[in-house]
Every structure is written in structure tokens, then in C-alpha cells.
Amino acid sequence: MESLERAEAAWTWLRAEGGARREREGCIDMKDPQAGKTVRVSHSSGD
């Protein structure tokens, strides 16, 4: 399943890129292709 491999590679990249982007933007919406849902990742560590 080439599309699944591509999706997993993209998600791995998004997690790495998202970490840097959260530092700049505060938070980011990322879609997890395996969970099939969008998760909101907040920059605040006081939860």
C-alpha cells in the first residue's frame, strides 16, 4: 500500500515540523491519518 506508506511518512514529517512550528505560532492543528481525526496541540504547558 504505497499511499499508506506515504501518509505515514507525511505524518512523521508533520510531527517533526509541527514541533518547530508550535514554537513560532503557539499551536497547530494536525491530522493523524491513523486515528482519522484532527488533534489540536496547544503550546501551553500548564494543562
N, C-alpha and C. Protein backbone atom coordinates (compact mmCIF):
# COMPACT_ATOMS: atom_id res chain seq x y z
N MET A 1 0.84 -1.19 0.00
CA MET A 1 0.00 0.00 0.00
C MET A 1 0.88 1.25 0.00
N GLU A 2 1.14 1.73 -1.17
CA GLU A 2 2.04 2.87 -1.30
C GLU A 2 1.46 4.13 -0.64
N SER A 3 0.15 4.33 -0.76
CA SER A 3 -0.47 5.52 -0.20
C SER A 3 -0.37 5.54 1.32
N LEU A 4 -0.47 4.38 1.95
CA LEU A 4 -0.35 4.31 3.40
C LEU A 4 1.07 4.66 3.83
N GLU A 5 2.05 4.14 3.12
CA GLU A 5 3.44 4.46 3.44
C GLU A 5 3.69 5.96 3.28
N ARG A 6 3.12 6.53 2.24
CA ARG A 6 3.29 7.96 2.02
C ARG A 6 2.63 8.76 3.14
N ALA A 7 1.46 8.31 3.58
CA ALA A 7 0.75 9.00 4.65
C ALA A 7 1.53 8.92 5.96
N GLU A 8 2.10 7.77 6.24
CA GLU A 8 2.88 7.61 7.46
C GLU A 8 4.13 8.48 7.42
N ALA A 9 4.77 8.56 6.26
CA ALA A 9 5.95 9.40 6.11
C ALA A 9 5.58 10.87 6.29
N ALA A 10 4.44 11.26 5.73
CA ALA A 10 3.99 12.64 5.86
C ALA A 10 3.66 12.97 7.31
N TRP A 11 3.04 12.04 8.01
CA TRP A 11 2.68 12.26 9.42
C TRP A 11 3.93 12.38 10.28
N THR A 12 4.94 11.53 10.00
CA THR A 12 6.21 11.62 10.72
C THR A 12 6.82 12.99 10.50
N TRP A 13 6.79 13.47 9.25
CA TRP A 13 7.35 14.79 8.94
C TRP A 13 6.54 15.88 9.63
N LEU A 14 5.20 15.73 9.62
CA LEU A 14 4.35 16.74 10.24
C LEU A 14 4.61 16.85 11.73
N ARG A 15 4.83 15.71 12.39
CA ARG A 15 5.12 15.76 13.83
C ARG A 15 6.43 16.50 14.08
N ALA A 16 7.45 16.23 13.28
CA ALA A 16 8.74 16.90 13.45
C ALA A 16 8.63 18.38 13.12
N GLU A 17 7.99 18.68 12.00
CA GLU A 17 7.81 20.07 11.57
C GLU A 17 6.88 20.80 12.52
N GLY A 18 5.86 20.11 13.01
CA GLY A 18 4.89 20.73 13.91
C GLY A 18 5.54 21.21 15.20
N GLY A 19 6.53 20.48 15.69
CA GLY A 19 7.23 20.89 16.91
C GLY A 19 7.89 22.25 16.73
N ALA A 20 8.53 22.44 15.58
CA ALA A 20 9.17 23.72 15.30
C ALA A 20 8.13 24.81 15.06
N ARG A 21 7.05 24.44 14.38
CA ARG A 21 6.02 25.43 14.06
C ARG A 21 5.29 25.88 15.31
N ARG A 22 5.05 24.98 16.26
CA ARG A 22 4.39 25.37 17.51
C ARG A 22 5.21 26.42 18.25
N GLU A 23 6.53 26.32 18.15
CA GLU A 23 7.39 27.31 18.79
C GLU A 23 7.14 28.70 18.20
N ARG A 24 6.83 28.75 16.91
CA ARG A 24 6.62 30.03 16.23
C ARG A 24 5.18 30.52 16.34
N GLU A 25 4.22 29.61 16.22
CA GLU A 25 2.82 30.01 16.10
C GLU A 25 2.01 29.79 17.37
N GLY A 26 2.53 29.01 18.31
CA GLY A 26 1.82 28.78 19.55
C GLY A 26 1.04 27.48 19.56
N CYS A 27 0.38 27.14 18.47
CA CYS A 27 -0.34 25.88 18.38
C CYS A 27 -0.59 25.54 16.92
N ILE A 28 -0.98 24.32 16.67
CA ILE A 28 -1.19 23.86 15.29
C ILE A 28 -2.19 22.72 15.28
N ASP A 29 -2.98 22.67 14.22
CA ASP A 29 -3.88 21.54 14.01
C ASP A 29 -3.17 20.51 13.16
N MET A 30 -3.14 19.28 13.63
CA MET A 30 -2.50 18.22 12.86
C MET A 30 -3.50 17.08 12.70
N LYS A 31 -3.56 16.51 11.52
CA LYS A 31 -4.46 15.39 11.28
C LYS A 31 -3.67 14.10 11.36
N ASP A 32 -4.11 13.20 12.21
CA ASP A 32 -3.47 11.90 12.36
C ASP A 32 -4.17 10.92 11.44
N PRO A 33 -3.50 10.48 10.35
CA PRO A 33 -4.17 9.60 9.39
C PRO A 33 -4.54 8.24 9.98
N GLN A 34 -3.84 7.81 11.02
CA GLN A 34 -4.13 6.52 11.62
C GLN A 34 -5.34 6.61 12.54
N ALA A 35 -5.48 7.72 13.25
CA ALA A 35 -6.63 7.88 14.14
C ALA A 35 -7.84 8.40 13.36
N GLY A 36 -7.57 9.05 12.22
CA GLY A 36 -8.66 9.55 11.40
C GLY A 36 -9.35 10.75 12.02
N LYS A 37 -8.62 11.51 12.79
CA LYS A 37 -9.22 12.69 13.42
C LYS A 37 -8.17 13.79 13.52
N THR A 38 -8.63 15.00 13.66
CA THR A 38 -7.73 16.14 13.81
C THR A 38 -7.53 16.39 15.30
N VAL A 39 -6.29 16.52 15.69
CA VAL A 39 -5.99 16.79 17.09
C VAL A 39 -5.44 18.19 17.23
N ARG A 40 -5.88 18.89 18.24
CA ARG A 40 -5.41 20.25 18.50
C ARG A 40 -4.28 20.15 19.51
N VAL A 41 -3.12 20.62 19.12
CA VAL A 41 -1.97 20.58 20.01
C VAL A 41 -1.70 21.99 20.50
N SER A 42 -1.82 22.19 21.78
CA SER A 42 -1.64 23.51 22.36
C SER A 42 -0.21 23.69 22.85
N HIS A 43 0.29 24.91 22.75
CA HIS A 43 1.67 25.19 23.15
C HIS A 43 1.79 25.33 24.67
N SER A 44 0.70 25.71 25.32
CA SER A 44 0.75 25.94 26.76
C SER A 44 1.05 24.65 27.51
N SER A 45 2.00 24.72 28.43
CA SER A 45 2.40 23.52 29.18
C SER A 45 1.78 23.51 30.57
N GLY A 46 0.83 24.39 30.82
CA GLY A 46 0.24 24.48 32.15
C GLY A 46 -1.04 23.70 32.30
N ASP A 47 -1.30 22.78 31.40
CA ASP A 47 -2.54 22.00 31.48
C ASP A 47 -2.48 21.02 32.63
